[in-house]
Amino acid sequence: MSEAEKKETKSGEGDNHPNPKVISAIKKIAAGVVAECESQGEHPSEVICSFLVRAHILSQGDNVDLTNIEAMKEKELSMLTHEIAEKVLSTGVPEIETMKLQVRFETQYALSMEDIRKRAHATR
């Protein structure tokens, strides 16, 4: 298995069926990020936090293995959560602001499409 394939497997990328352990790890980290942000008076969406968790993990290369999050020390997990919370809380950083806007757009688009489908189905 190539290094790129190993990275894709560890991060949950690379196929149409993400690793359930990776999904669970992302949700756990994102929940921690939301909690840390809320403790500072901000209320980010879990979707944005999850997206930034994935982006952060992918930018770290092989330093984080989400398939075995149980093996991470509490301190490592806390540091990871804190780093991502800092990104979520940051303002004026173009890359982060762009990601936040993209996630909001895609979320709203998905909700709008679902609403359109429901209306179309109701009029039949």
PDB file of N, CA and C in Angstrom:
ATOM      1  N   MET A   1       0.859  -1.173   0.000  1.00  0.00           N
ATOM      2  CA  MET A   1       0.000   0.000   0.000  1.00  0.00           C
ATOM      3  C   MET A   1       0.904   1.235   0.000  1.00  0.00           C
ATOM      4  N   SER A   2       0.617   2.181  -0.892  1.00  0.00           N
ATOM      5  CA  SER A   2       1.431   3.396  -0.975  1.00  0.00           C
ATOM      6  C   SER A   2       1.170   4.292   0.228  1.00  0.00           C
ATOM      7  N   GLU A   3       2.076   5.261   0.435  1.00  0.00           N
ATOM      8  CA  GLU A   3       1.912   6.203   1.555  1.00  0.00           C
ATOM      9  C   GLU A   3       0.618   6.991   1.394  1.00  0.00           C
ATOM     10  N   ALA A   4       0.269   7.383   0.174  1.00  0.00           N
ATOM     11  CA  ALA A   4      -0.963   8.141  -0.065  1.00  0.00           C
ATOM     12  C   ALA A   4      -2.185   7.293   0.291  1.00  0.00           C
ATOM     13  N   GLU A   5      -2.159   6.011  -0.061  1.00  0.00           N
ATOM     14  CA  GLU A   5      -3.274   5.127   0.261  1.00  0.00           C
ATOM     15  C   GLU A   5      -3.408   4.942   1.773  1.00  0.00           C
ATOM     16  N   LYS A   6      -2.278   4.838   2.479  1.00  0.00           N
ATOM     17  CA  LYS A   6      -2.312   4.710   3.939  1.00  0.00           C
ATOM     18  C   LYS A   6      -2.920   5.954   4.564  1.00  0.00           C
ATOM     19  N   LYS A   7      -2.528   7.129   4.074  1.00  0.00           N
ATOM     20  CA  LYS A   7      -3.054   8.393   4.590  1.00  0.00           C
ATOM     21  C   LYS A   7      -4.557   8.473   4.353  1.00  0.00           C
ATOM     22  N   GLU A   8      -4.998   8.064   3.155  1.00  0.00           N
ATOM     23  CA  GLU A   8      -6.423   8.110   2.844  1.00  0.00           C
ATOM     24  C   GLU A   8      -7.211   7.198   3.765  1.00  0.00           C
ATOM     25  N   THR A   9      -6.677   6.034   4.066  1.00  0.00           N
ATOM     26  CA  THR A   9      -7.357   5.090   4.946  1.00  0.00           C
ATOM     27  C   THR A   9      -7.438   5.631   6.365  1.00  0.00           C
ATOM     28  N   LYS A  10      -6.348   6.209   6.872  1.00  0.00           N
ATOM     29  CA  LYS A  10      -6.317   6.739   8.228  1.00  0.00           C
ATOM     30  C   LYS A  10      -7.253   7.923   8.409  1.00  0.00           C
ATOM     31  N   SER A  11      -7.432   8.723   7.355  1.00  0.00           N
ATOM     32  CA  SER A  11      -8.253   9.925   7.465  1.00  0.00           C
ATOM     33  C   SER A  11      -9.699   9.664   7.065  1.00  0.00           C
ATOM     34  N   GLY A  12      -9.984   8.474   6.525  1.00  0.00           N
ATOM     35  CA  GLY A  12     -11.345   8.172   6.112  1.00  0.00           C
ATOM     36  C   GLY A  12     -11.613   8.565   4.678  1.00  0.00           C
ATOM     37  N   GLU A  13     -10.627   9.102   3.993  1.00  0.00           N
ATOM     38  CA  GLU A  13     -10.771   9.506   2.602  1.00  0.00           C
ATOM     39  C   GLU A  13     -10.474   8.315   1.702  1.00  0.00           C
ATOM     40  N   GLY A  14     -10.807   8.445   0.434  1.00  0.00           N
ATOM     41  CA  GLY A  14     -10.317   7.484  -0.528  1.00  0.00           C
ATOM     42  C   GLY A  14     -11.345   6.516  -1.070  1.00  0.00           C
ATOM     43  N   ASP A  15     -12.487   6.389  -0.473  1.00  0.00           N
ATOM     44  CA  ASP A  15     -13.510   5.534  -1.050  1.00  0.00           C
ATOM     45  C   ASP A  15     -14.878   6.108  -0.715  1.00  0.00           C
ATOM     46  N   ASN A  16     -15.896   5.481  -1.248  1.00  0.00           N
ATOM     47  CA  ASN A  16     -17.253   5.965  -1.019  1.00  0.00           C
ATOM     48  C   ASN A  16     -17.833   5.490   0.301  1.00  0.00           C
ATOM     49  N   HIS A  17     -17.095   4.670   1.026  1.00  0.00           N
ATOM     50  CA  HIS A  17     -17.568   4.122   2.293  1.00  0.00           C
ATOM     51  C   HIS A  17     -16.554   4.435   3.387  1.00  0.00           C
ATOM     52  N   PRO A  18     -16.673   5.612   3.992  1.00  0.00           N
ATOM     53  CA  PRO A  18     -15.704   5.995   5.024  1.00  0.00           C
ATOM     54  C   PRO A  18     -15.664   4.999   6.170  1.00  0.00           C
ATOM     55  N   ASN A  19     -14.521   4.871   6.750  1.00  0.00           N
ATOM     56  CA  ASN A  19     -14.300   3.983   7.879  1.00  0.00           C
ATOM     57  C   ASN A  19     -15.167   4.440   9.059  1.00  0.00           C
ATOM     58  N   PRO A  20     -16.014   3.566   9.613  1.00  0.00           N
ATOM     59  CA  PRO A  20     -16.880   3.955  10.736  1.00  0.00           C
ATOM     60  C   PRO A  20     -16.091   4.448  11.956  1.00  0.00           C
ATOM     61  N   LYS A  21     -14.907   3.900  12.189  1.00  0.00           N
ATOM     62  CA  LYS A  21     -14.078   4.361  13.311  1.00  0.00           C
ATOM     63  C   LYS A  21     -13.641   5.797  13.093  1.00  0.00           C
ATOM     64  N   VAL A  22     -13.322   6.137  11.856  1.00  0.00           N
ATOM     65  CA  VAL A  22     -12.888   7.494  11.524  1.00  0.00           C
ATOM     66  C   VAL A  22     -14.050   8.468  11.699  1.00  0.00           C
ATOM     67  N   ILE A  23     -15.220   8.080  11.223  1.00  0.00           N
ATOM     68  CA  ILE A  23     -16.411   8.932  11.371  1.00  0.00           C
ATOM     69  C   ILE A  23     -16.684   9.177  12.848  1.00  0.00           C
ATOM     70  N   SER A  24     -16.613   8.134  13.651  1.00  0.00           N
ATOM     71  CA  SER A  24     -16.835   8.252  15.093  1.00  0.00           C
ATOM     72  C   SER A  24     -15.793   9.167  15.735  1.00  0.00           C
ATOM     73  N   ALA A  25     -14.538   9.018  15.328  1.00  0.00           N
ATOM     74  CA  ALA A  25     -13.465   9.853  15.881  1.00  0.00           C
ATOM     75  C   ALA A  25     -13.681  11.319  15.519  1.00  0.00           C
ATOM     76  N   ILE A  26     -14.072  11.583  14.278  1.00  0.00           N
ATOM     77  CA  ILE A  26     -14.318  12.964  13.843  1.00  0.00           C
ATOM     78  C   ILE A  26     -15.458  13.556  14.656  1.00  0.00           C
ATOM     79  N   LYS A  27     -16.527  12.789  14.859  1.00  0.00           N
ATOM     80  CA  LYS A  27     -17.662  13.280  15.651  1.00  0.00           C
ATOM     81  C   LYS A  27     -17.241  13.579  17.093  1.00  0.00           C
ATOM     82  N   LYS A  28     -16.403  12.705  17.654  1.00  0.00           N
ATOM     83  CA  LYS A  28     -15.948  12.901  19.031  1.00  0.00           C
ATOM     84  C   LYS A  28     -15.101  14.164  19.146  1.00  0.00           C
ATOM     85  N   ILE A  29     -14.172  14.341  18.219  1.00  0.00           N
ATOM     86  CA  ILE A  29     -13.315  15.525  18.246  1.00  0.00           C
ATOM     87  C   ILE A  29     -14.144  16.780  17.996  1.00  0.00           C
ATOM     88  N   ALA A  30     -15.056  16.722  17.032  1.00  0.00           N
ATOM     89  CA  ALA A  30     -15.899  17.886  16.718  1.00  0.00           C
ATOM     90  C   ALA A  30     -16.754  18.272  17.914  1.00  0.00           C
ATOM     91  N   ALA A  31     -17.276  17.287  18.648  1.00  0.00           N
ATOM     92  CA  ALA A  31     -18.066  17.581  19.847  1.00  0.00           C
ATOM     93  C   ALA A  31     -17.207  18.297  20.885  1.00  0.00           C
ATOM     94  N   GLY A  32     -15.960  17.875  21.015  1.00  0.00           N
ATOM     95  CA  GLY A  32     -15.039  18.546  21.928  1.00  0.00           C
ATOM     96  C   GLY A  32     -14.739  19.966  21.491  1.00  0.00           C
ATOM     97  N   VAL A  33     -14.614  20.173  20.184  1.00  0.00           N
ATOM     98  CA  VAL A  33     -14.367  21.509  19.639  1.00  0.00           C
ATOM     99  C   VAL A  33     -15.571  22.412  19.920  1.00  0.00           C
ATOM    100  N   VAL A  34     -16.772  21.894  19.665  1.00  0.00           N
ATOM    101  CA  VAL A  34     -17.991  22.671  19.935  1.00  0.00           C
ATOM    102  C   VAL A  34     -18.043  23.055  21.414  1.00  0.00           C
ATOM    103  N   ALA A  35     -17.768  22.101  22.294  1.00  0.00           N
ATOM    104  CA  ALA A  35     -17.809  22.369  23.741  1.00  0.00           C
ATOM    105  C   ALA A  35     -16.788  23.434  24.132  1.00  0.00           C
ATOM    106  N   GLU A  36     -15.577  23.341  23.582  1.00  0.00           N
ATOM    107  CA  GLU A  36     -14.557  24.336  23.917  1.00  0.00           C
ATOM    108  C   GLU A  36     -14.959  25.719  23.403  1.00  0.00           C
ATOM    109  N   CYS A  37     -15.503  25.785  22.201  1.00  0.00           N
ATOM    110  CA  CYS A  37     -15.940  27.068  21.644  1.00  0.00           C
ATOM    111  C   CYS A  37     -17.086  27.644  22.477  1.00  0.00           C
ATOM    112  N   GLU A  38     -18.018  26.788  22.893  1.00  0.00           N
ATOM    113  CA  GLU A  38     -19.144  27.254  23.703  1.00  0.00           C
ATOM    114  C   GLU A  38     -18.675  27.762  25.056  1.00  0.00           C
ATOM    115  N   SER A  39     -17.617  27.170  25.585  1.00  0.00           N
ATOM    116  CA  SER A  39     -17.084  27.645  26.867  1.00  0.00           C
ATOM    117  C   SER A  39     -16.495  29.046  26.738  1.00  0.00           C
ATOM    118  N   GLN A  40     -16.223  29.455  25.500  1.00  0.00           N
ATOM    119  CA  GLN A  40     -15.697  30.798  25.242  1.00  0.00           C
ATOM    120  C   GLN A  40     -16.779  31.724  24.679  1.00  0.00           C
ATOM    121  N   GLY A  41     -18.026  31.280  24.755  1.00  0.00           N
ATOM    122  CA  GLY A  41     -19.144  32.131  24.363  1.00  0.00           C
ATOM    123  C   GLY A  41     -19.533  32.085  22.898  1.00  0.00           C
ATOM    124  N   GLU A  42     -18.927  31.215  22.119  1.00  0.00           N
ATOM    125  CA  GLU A  42     -19.269  31.067  20.706  1.00  0.00           C
ATOM    126  C   GLU A  42     -20.066  29.782  20.518  1.00  0.00           C
ATOM    127  N   HIS A  43     -20.888  29.745  19.486  1.00  0.00           N
ATOM    128  CA  HIS A  43     -21.736  28.579  19.238  1.00  0.00           C
ATOM    129  C   HIS A  43     -21.625  28.139  17.770  1.00  0.00           C
ATOM    130  N   PRO A  44     -20.502  27.523  17.408  1.00  0.00           N
ATOM    131  CA  PRO A  44     -20.329  27.084  16.015  1.00  0.00           C
ATOM    132  C   PRO A  44     -21.172  25.846  15.729  1.00  0.00           C
ATOM    133  N   SER A  45     -21.487  25.647  14.463  1.00  0.00           N
ATOM    134  CA  SER A  45     -22.235  24.448  14.098  1.00  0.00           C
ATOM    135  C   SER A  45     -21.314  23.237  14.139  1.00  0.00           C
ATOM    136  N   GLU A  46     -21.893  22.109  14.431  1.00  0.00           N
ATOM    137  CA  GLU A  46     -21.119  20.870  14.469  1.00  0.00           C
ATOM    138  C   GLU A  46     -20.606  20.511  13.079  1.00  0.00           C
ATOM    139  N   VAL A  47     -21.352  20.905  12.045  1.00  0.00           N
ATOM    140  CA  VAL A  47     -20.931  20.628  10.673  1.00  0.00           C
ATOM    141  C   VAL A  47     -19.626  21.359  10.362  1.00  0.00           C
ATOM    142  N   ILE A  48     -19.564  22.638  10.716  1.00  0.00           N
ATOM    143  CA  ILE A  48     -18.341  23.411  10.475  1.00  0.00           C
ATOM    144  C   ILE A  48     -17.177  22.818  11.268  1.00  0.00           C
ATOM    145  N   CYS A  49     -17.440  22.465  12.510  1.00  0.00           N
ATOM    146  CA  CYS A  49     -16.378  21.874  13.339  1.00  0.00           C
ATOM    147  C   CYS A  49     -15.897  20.558  12.750  1.00  0.00           C
ATOM    148  N   SER A  50     -16.811  19.722  12.291  1.00  0.00           N
ATOM    149  CA  SER A  50     -16.427  18.440  11.684  1.00  0.00           C
ATOM    150  C   SER A  50     -15.585  18.662  10.435  1.00  0.00           C
ATOM    151  N   PHE A  51     -15.992  19.620   9.620  1.00  0.00           N
ATOM    152  CA  PHE A  51     -15.242  19.922   8.409  1.00  0.00           C
ATOM    153  C   PHE A  51     -13.826  20.385   8.751  1.00  0.00           C
ATOM    154  N   LEU A  52     -13.703  21.264   9.733  1.00  0.00           N
ATOM    155  CA  LEU A  52     -12.379  21.756  10.119  1.00  0.00           C
ATOM    156  C   LEU A  52     -11.537  20.669  10.788  1.00  0.00           C
ATOM    157  N   VAL A  53     -12.182  19.727  11.473  1.00  0.00           N
ATOM    158  CA  VAL A  53     -11.450  18.575  12.019  1.00  0.00           C
ATOM    159  C   VAL A  53     -10.820  17.805  10.868  1.00  0.00           C
ATOM    160  N   ARG A  54     -11.626  17.491   9.842  1.00  0.00           N
ATOM    161  CA  ARG A  54     -11.112  16.746   8.689  1.00  0.00           C
ATOM    162  C   ARG A  54      -9.980  17.505   8.011  1.00  0.00           C
ATOM    163  N   ALA A  55     -10.172  18.809   7.801  1.00  0.00           N
ATOM    164  CA  ALA A  55      -9.142  19.617   7.141  1.00  0.00           C
ATOM    165  C   ALA A  55      -7.848  19.621   7.955  1.00  0.00           C
ATOM    166  N   HIS A  56      -7.979  19.764   9.253  1.00  0.00           N
ATOM    167  CA  HIS A  56      -6.798  19.787  10.122  1.00  0.00           C
ATOM    168  C   HIS A  56      -6.072  18.441  10.098  1.00  0.00           C
ATOM    169  N   ILE A  57      -6.827  17.373  10.195  1.00  0.00           N
ATOM    170  CA  ILE A  57      -6.233  16.026  10.193  1.00  0.00           C
ATOM    171  C   ILE A  57      -5.491  15.784   8.886  1.00  0.00           C
ATOM    172  N   LEU A  58      -6.113  16.133   7.772  1.00  0.00           N
ATOM    173  CA  LEU A  58      -5.474  15.916   6.475  1.00  0.00           C
ATOM    174  C   LEU A  58      -4.212  16.754   6.322  1.00  0.00           C
ATOM    175  N   SER A  59      -4.207  17.947   6.918  1.00  0.00           N
ATOM    176  CA  SER A  59      -3.021  18.805   6.819  1.00  0.00           C
ATOM    177  C   SER A  59      -1.872  18.308   7.694  1.00  0.00           C
ATOM    178  N   GLN A  60      -2.160  17.417   8.633  1.00  0.00           N
ATOM    179  CA  GLN A  60      -1.134  16.905   9.539  1.00  0.00           C
ATOM    180  C   GLN A  60      -0.381  15.707   8.988  1.00  0.00           C
ATOM    181  N   GLY A  61      -0.782  15.209   7.841  1.00  0.00           N
ATOM    182  CA  GLY A  61      -0.104  14.048   7.265  1.00  0.00           C
ATOM    183  C   GLY A  61      -0.354  12.806   8.104  1.00  0.00           C
ATOM    184  N   ASP A  62       0.699  12.063   8.375  1.00  0.00           N
ATOM    185  CA  ASP A  62       0.587  10.807   9.118  1.00  0.00           C
ATOM    186  C   ASP A  62       0.682  10.997  10.624  1.00  0.00           C
ATOM    187  N   ASN A  63       0.627  12.221  11.107  1.00  0.00           N
ATOM    188  CA  ASN A  63       0.771  12.479  12.539  1.00  0.00           C
ATOM    189  C   ASN A  63      -0.446  12.077  13.352  1.00  0.00           C
ATOM    190  N   VAL A  64      -1.606  11.944  12.713  1.00  0.00           N
ATOM    191  CA  VAL A  64      -2.827  11.601  13.432  1.00  0.00           C
ATOM    192  C   VAL A  64      -3.489  10.415  12.741  1.00  0.00           C
ATOM    193  N   ASP A  65      -3.730   9.365  13.497  1.00  0.00           N
ATOM    194  CA  ASP A  65      -4.387   8.170  12.980  1.00  0.00           C
ATOM    195  C   ASP A  65      -5.769   8.078  13.617  1.00  0.00           C
ATOM    196  N   LEU A  66      -6.797   8.435  12.854  1.00  0.00           N
ATOM    197  CA  LEU A  66      -8.154   8.430  13.391  1.00  0.00           C
ATOM    198  C   LEU A  66      -8.756   7.037  13.505  1.00  0.00           C
ATOM    199  N   THR A  67      -8.110   6.044  12.919  1.00  0.00           N
ATOM    200  CA  THR A  67      -8.655   4.696  13.019  1.00  0.00           C
ATOM    201  C   THR A  67      -8.419   4.095  14.392  1.00  0.00           C
ATOM    202  N   ASN A  68      -7.546   4.740  15.187  1.00  0.00           N
ATOM    203  CA  ASN A  68      -7.230   4.212  16.507  1.00  0.00           C
ATOM    204  C   ASN A  68      -7.187   5.354  17.519  1.00  0.00           C
ATOM    205  N   ILE A  69      -8.270   6.121  17.580  1.00  0.00           N
ATOM    206  CA  ILE A  69      -8.317   7.298  18.457  1.00  0.00           C
ATOM    207  C   ILE A  69      -8.219   6.905  19.933  1.00  0.00           C
ATOM    208  N   GLU A  70      -8.647   5.678  20.246  1.00  0.00           N
ATOM    209  CA  GLU A  70      -8.582   5.217  21.635  1.00  0.00           C
ATOM    210  C   GLU A  70      -7.137   5.169  22.136  1.00  0.00           C
ATOM    211  N   ALA A  71      -6.187   4.984  21.195  1.00  0.00           N
ATOM    212  CA  ALA A  71      -4.781   4.892  21.578  1.00  0.00           C
ATOM    213  C   ALA A  71      -4.168   6.272  21.841  1.00  0.00           C
ATOM    214  N   MET A  72      -4.859   7.325  21.418  1.00  0.00           N
ATOM    215  CA  MET A  72      -4.331   8.671  21.668  1.00  0.00           C
ATOM    216  C   MET A  72      -4.411   8.983  23.153  1.00  0.00           C
ATOM    217  N   LYS A  73      -3.390   9.602  23.649  1.00  0.00           N
ATOM    218  CA  LYS A  73      -3.402  10.020  25.039  1.00  0.00           C
ATOM    219  C   LYS A  73      -4.375  11.179  25.191  1.00  0.00           C
ATOM    220  N   GLU A  74      -4.946  11.298  26.378  1.00  0.00           N
ATOM    221  CA  GLU A  74      -5.919  12.360  26.637  1.00  0.00           C
ATOM    222  C   GLU A  74      -5.316  13.734  26.348  1.00  0.00           C
ATOM    223  N   LYS A  75      -4.039  13.903  26.689  1.00  0.00           N
ATOM    224  CA  LYS A  75      -3.369  15.182  26.446  1.00  0.00           C
ATOM    225  C   LYS A  75      -3.279  15.474  24.951  1.00  0.00           C
ATOM    226  N   GLU A  76      -2.947  14.460  24.146  1.00  0.00           N
ATOM    227  CA  GLU A  76      -2.869  14.636  22.693  1.00  0.00           C
ATOM    228  C   GLU A  76      -4.227  15.014  22.118  1.00  0.00           C
ATOM    229  N   LEU A  77      -5.253  14.323  22.574  1.00  0.00           N
ATOM    230  CA  LEU A  77      -6.606  14.596  22.099  1.00  0.00           C
ATOM    231  C   LEU A  77      -7.045  16.002  22.507  1.00  0.00           C
ATOM    232  N   SER A  78      -6.697  16.393  23.718  1.00  0.00           N
ATOM    233  CA  SER A  78      -7.024  17.730  24.202  1.00  0.00           C
ATOM    234  C   SER A  78      -6.303  18.801  23.389  1.00  0.00           C
ATOM    235  N   MET A  79      -5.040  18.568  23.082  1.00  0.00           N
ATOM    236  CA  MET A  79      -4.273  19.530  22.278  1.00  0.00           C
ATOM    237  C   MET A  79      -4.854  19.639  20.869  1.00  0.00           C
ATOM    238  N   LEU A  80      -5.227  18.513  20.289  1.00  0.00           N
ATOM    239  CA  LEU A  80      -5.828  18.497  18.960  1.00  0.00           C
ATOM    240  C   LEU A  80      -7.143  19.276  18.960  1.00  0.00           C
ATOM    241  N   THR A  81      -7.970  19.012  19.957  1.00  0.00           N
ATOM    242  CA  THR A  81      -9.248  19.709  20.082  1.00  0.00           C
ATOM    243  C   THR A  81      -9.024  21.203  20.239  1.00  0.00           C
ATOM    244  N   HIS A  82      -8.061  21.585  21.050  1.00  0.00           N
ATOM    245  CA  HIS A  82      -7.764  23.001  21.278  1.00  0.00           C
ATOM    246  C   HIS A  82      -7.272  23.682  20.000  1.00  0.00           C
ATOM    247  N   GLU A  83      -6.383  23.025  19.262  1.00  0.00           N
ATOM    248  CA  GLU A  83      -5.870  23.596  18.009  1.00  0.00           C
ATOM    249  C   GLU A  83      -7.009  23.864  17.028  1.00  0.00           C
ATOM    250  N   ILE A  84      -7.923  22.917  16.921  1.00  0.00           N
ATOM    251  CA  ILE A  84      -9.028  23.066  15.977  1.00  0.00           C
ATOM    252  C   ILE A  84     -10.006  24.126  16.473  1.00  0.00           C
ATOM    253  N   ALA A  85     -10.255  24.176  17.776  1.00  0.00           N
ATOM    254  CA  ALA A  85     -11.135  25.202  18.333  1.00  0.00           C
ATOM    255  C   ALA A  85     -10.571  26.593  18.052  1.00  0.00           C
ATOM    256  N   GLU A  86      -9.251  26.749  18.145  1.00  0.00           N
ATOM    257  CA  GLU A  86      -8.636  28.033  17.821  1.00  0.00           C
ATOM    258  C   GLU A  86      -8.917  28.430  16.379  1.00  0.00           C
ATOM    259  N   LYS A  87      -8.875  27.450  15.478  1.00  0.00           N
ATOM    260  CA  LYS A  87      -9.185  27.730  14.070  1.00  0.00           C
ATOM    261  C   LYS A  87     -10.647  28.144  13.913  1.00  0.00           C
ATOM    262  N   VAL A  88     -11.529  27.426  14.580  1.00  0.00           N
ATOM    263  CA  VAL A  88     -12.959  27.737  14.483  1.00  0.00           C
ATOM    264  C   VAL A  88     -13.229  29.145  15.004  1.00  0.00           C
ATOM    265  N   LEU A  89     -12.562  29.515  16.080  1.00  0.00           N
ATOM    266  CA  LEU A  89     -12.783  30.824  16.704  1.00  0.00           C
ATOM    267  C   LEU A  89     -12.030  31.961  16.015  1.00  0.00           C
ATOM    268  N   SER A  90     -11.113  31.611  15.133  1.00  0.00           N
ATOM    269  CA  SER A  90     -10.321  32.651  14.482  1.00  0.00           C
ATOM    270  C   SER A  90     -11.200  33.491  13.553  1.00  0.00           C
ATOM    271  N   THR A  91     -10.836  34.753  13.443  1.00  0.00           N
ATOM    272  CA  THR A  91     -11.522  35.644  12.507  1.00  0.00           C
ATOM    273  C   THR A  91     -10.457  36.342  11.674  1.00  0.00           C
ATOM    274  N   GLY A  92     -10.808  36.645  10.460  1.00  0.00           N
ATOM    275  CA  GLY A  92      -9.881  37.363   9.594  1.00  0.00           C
ATOM    276  C   GLY A  92      -8.833  36.499   8.933  1.00  0.00           C
ATOM    277  N   VAL A  93      -8.910  35.191   9.097  1.00  0.00           N
ATOM    278  CA  VAL A  93      -7.979  34.283   8.421  1.00  0.00           C
ATOM    279  C   VAL A  93      -8.688  33.806   7.148  1.00  0.00           C
ATOM    280  N   PRO A  94      -8.236  34.276   5.986  1.00  0.00           N
ATOM    281  CA  PRO A  94      -8.967  33.994   4.743  1.00  0.00           C
ATOM    282  C   PRO A  94      -9.278  32.514   4.496  1.00  0.00           C
ATOM    283  N   GLU A  95      -8.313  31.642   4.756  1.00  0.00           N
ATOM    284  CA  GLU A  95      -8.533  30.217   4.494  1.00  0.00           C
ATOM    285  C   GLU A  95      -9.659  29.656   5.363  1.00  0.00           C
ATOM    286  N   ILE A  96      -9.659  30.028   6.639  1.00  0.00           N
ATOM    287  CA  ILE A  96     -10.675  29.526   7.564  1.00  0.00           C
ATOM    288  C   ILE A  96     -12.039  30.130   7.230  1.00  0.00           C
ATOM    289  N   GLU A  97     -12.060  31.422   6.956  1.00  0.00           N
ATOM    290  CA  GLU A  97     -13.320  32.094   6.604  1.00  0.00           C
ATOM    291  C   GLU A  97     -13.908  31.487   5.332  1.00  0.00           C
ATOM    292  N   THR A  98     -13.058  31.170   4.363  1.00  0.00           N
ATOM    293  CA  THR A  98     -13.521  30.551   3.117  1.00  0.00           C
ATOM    294  C   THR A  98     -14.145  29.192   3.392  1.00  0.00           C
ATOM    295  N   MET A  99     -13.494  28.394   4.246  1.00  0.00           N
ATOM    296  CA  MET A  99     -14.042  27.076   4.586  1.00  0.00           C
ATOM    297  C   MET A  99     -15.391  27.215   5.287  1.00  0.00           C
ATOM    298  N   LYS A 100     -15.482  28.151   6.228  1.00  0.00           N
ATOM    299  CA  LYS A 100     -16.739  28.363   6.952  1.00  0.00           C
ATOM    300  C   LYS A 100     -17.851  28.762   5.990  1.00  0.00           C
ATOM    301  N   LEU A 101     -17.546  29.678   5.072  1.00  0.00           N
ATOM    302  CA  LEU A 101     -18.548  30.113   4.092  1.00  0.00           C
ATOM    303  C   LEU A 101     -18.977  28.965   3.188  1.00  0.00           C
ATOM    304  N   GLN A 102     -18.013  28.163   2.753  1.00  0.00           N
ATOM    305  CA  GLN A 102     -18.326  27.036   1.875  1.00  0.00           C
ATOM    306  C   GLN A 102     -19.231  26.029   2.578  1.00  0.00           C
ATOM    307  N   VAL A 103     -18.923  25.723   3.827  1.00  0.00           N
ATOM    308  CA  VAL A 103     -19.751  24.774   4.578  1.00  0.00           C
ATOM    309  C   VAL A 103     -21.157  25.336   4.763  1.00  0.00           C
ATOM    310  N   ARG A 104     -21.261  26.610   5.119  1.00  0.00           N
ATOM    311  CA  ARG A 104     -22.587  27.224   5.277  1.00  0.00           C
ATOM    312  C   ARG A 104     -23.376  27.175   3.976  1.00  0.00           C
ATOM    313  N   PHE A 105     -22.703  27.497   2.863  1.00  0.00           N
ATOM    314  CA  PHE A 105     -23.366  27.476   1.564  1.00  0.00           C
ATOM    315  C   PHE A 105     -23.874  26.070   1.244  1.00  0.00           C
ATOM    316  N   GLU A 106     -23.003  25.084   1.392  1.00  0.00           N
ATOM    317  CA  GLU A 106     -23.391  23.717   1.060  1.00  0.00           C
ATOM    318  C   GLU A 106     -24.504  23.210   1.967  1.00  0.00           C
ATOM    319  N   THR A 107     -24.459  23.577   3.233  1.00  0.00           N
ATOM    320  CA  THR A 107     -25.510  23.170   4.166  1.00  0.00           C
ATOM    321  C   THR A 107     -26.843  23.795   3.768  1.00  0.00           C
ATOM    322  N   GLN A 108     -26.830  25.093   3.487  1.00  0.00           N
ATOM    323  CA  GLN A 108     -28.054  25.778   3.076  1.00  0.00           C
ATOM    324  C   GLN A 108     -28.580  25.230   1.754  1.00  0.00           C
ATOM    325  N   TYR A 109     -27.670  24.942   0.831  1.00  0.00           N
ATOM    326  CA  TYR A 109     -28.062  24.392  -0.458  1.00  0.00           C
ATOM    327  C   TYR A 109     -28.754  23.034  -0.273  1.00  0.00           C
ATOM    328  N   ALA A 110     -28.175  22.183   0.547  1.00  0.00           N
ATOM    329  CA  ALA A 110     -28.767  20.865   0.804  1.00  0.00           C
ATOM    330  C   ALA A 110     -30.152  21.012   1.435  1.00  0.00           C
ATOM    331  N   LEU A 111     -30.285  21.937   2.387  1.00  0.00           N
ATOM    332  CA  LEU A 111     -31.591  22.169   3.018  1.00  0.00           C
ATOM    333  C   LEU A 111     -32.602  22.702   2.015  1.00  0.00           C
ATOM    334  N   SER A 112     -32.173  23.600   1.145  1.00  0.00           N
ATOM    335  CA  SER A 112     -33.061  24.164   0.127  1.00  0.00           C
ATOM    336  C   SER A 112     -33.525  23.081  -0.837  1.00  0.00           C
ATOM    337  N   MET A 113     -32.600  22.235  -1.265  1.00  0.00           N
ATOM    338  CA  MET A 113     -32.957  21.160  -2.192  1.00  0.00           C
ATOM    339  C   MET A 113     -33.943  20.189  -1.546  1.00  0.00           C
ATOM    340  N   GLU A 114     -33.751  19.899  -0.283  1.00  0.00           N
ATOM    341  CA  GLU A 114     -34.679  19.011   0.423  1.00  0.00           C
ATOM    342  C   GLU A 114     -36.061  19.652   0.508  1.00  0.00           C
ATOM    343  N   ASP A 115     -36.111  20.942   0.780  1.00  0.00           N
ATOM    344  CA  ASP A 115     -37.377  21.674   0.844  1.00  0.00           C
ATOM    345  C   ASP A 115     -38.077  21.664  -0.508  1.00  0.00           C
ATOM    346  N   ILE A 116     -37.332  21.849  -1.572  1.00  0.00           N
ATOM    347  CA  ILE A 116     -37.902  21.822  -2.932  1.00  0.00           C
ATOM    348  C   ILE A 116     -38.465  20.441  -3.232  1.00  0.00           C
ATOM    349  N   ARG A 117     -37.733  19.394  -2.873  1.00  0.00           N
ATOM    350  CA  ARG A 117     -38.223  18.023  -3.104  1.00  0.00           C
ATOM    351  C   ARG A 117     -39.520  17.758  -2.344  1.00  0.00           C
ATOM    352  N   LYS A 118     -39.576  18.215  -1.101  1.00  0.00           N
ATOM    353  CA  LYS A 118     -40.788  18.019  -0.290  1.00  0.00           C
ATOM    354  C   LYS A 118     -41.967  18.743  -0.907  1.00  0.00           C
ATOM    355  N   ARG A 119     -41.759  19.978  -1.347  1.00  0.00           N
ATOM    356  CA  ARG A 119     -42.849  20.755  -1.979  1.00  0.00           C
ATOM    357  C   ARG A 119     -43.311  20.112  -3.266  1.00  0.00           C
ATOM    358  N   ALA A 120     -42.358  19.630  -4.069  1.00  0.00           N
ATOM    359  CA  ALA A 120     -42.709  18.978  -5.335  1.00  0.00           C
ATOM    360  C   ALA A 120     -43.488  17.700  -5.070  1.00  0.00           C
ATOM    361  N   HIS A 121     -43.094  16.978  -4.059  1.00  0.00           N
ATOM    362  CA  HIS A 121     -43.775  15.729  -3.716  1.00  0.00           C
ATOM    363  C   HIS A 121     -45.175  16.024  -3.169  1.00  0.00           C
ATOM    364  N   ALA A 122     -45.325  17.096  -2.412  1.00  0.00           N
ATOM    365  CA  ALA A 122     -46.622  17.449  -1.830  1.00  0.00           C
ATOM    366  C   ALA A 122     -47.619  17.910  -2.879  1.00  0.00           C
ATOM    367  N   THR A 123     -47.141  18.471  -3.980  1.00  0.00           N
ATOM    368  CA  THR A 123     -48.059  18.960  -5.013  1.00  0.00           C
ATOM    369  C   THR A 123     -48.475  17.871  -5.989  1.00  0.00           C
ATOM    370  N   ARG A 124     -47.940  16.719  -5.869  1.00  0.00           N
ATOM    371  CA  ARG A 124     -48.304  15.628  -6.800  1.00  0.00           C
ATOM    372  C   ARG A 124     -49.604  15.014  -6.426  1.00  0.00           C
TER     373      ARG A 124
END
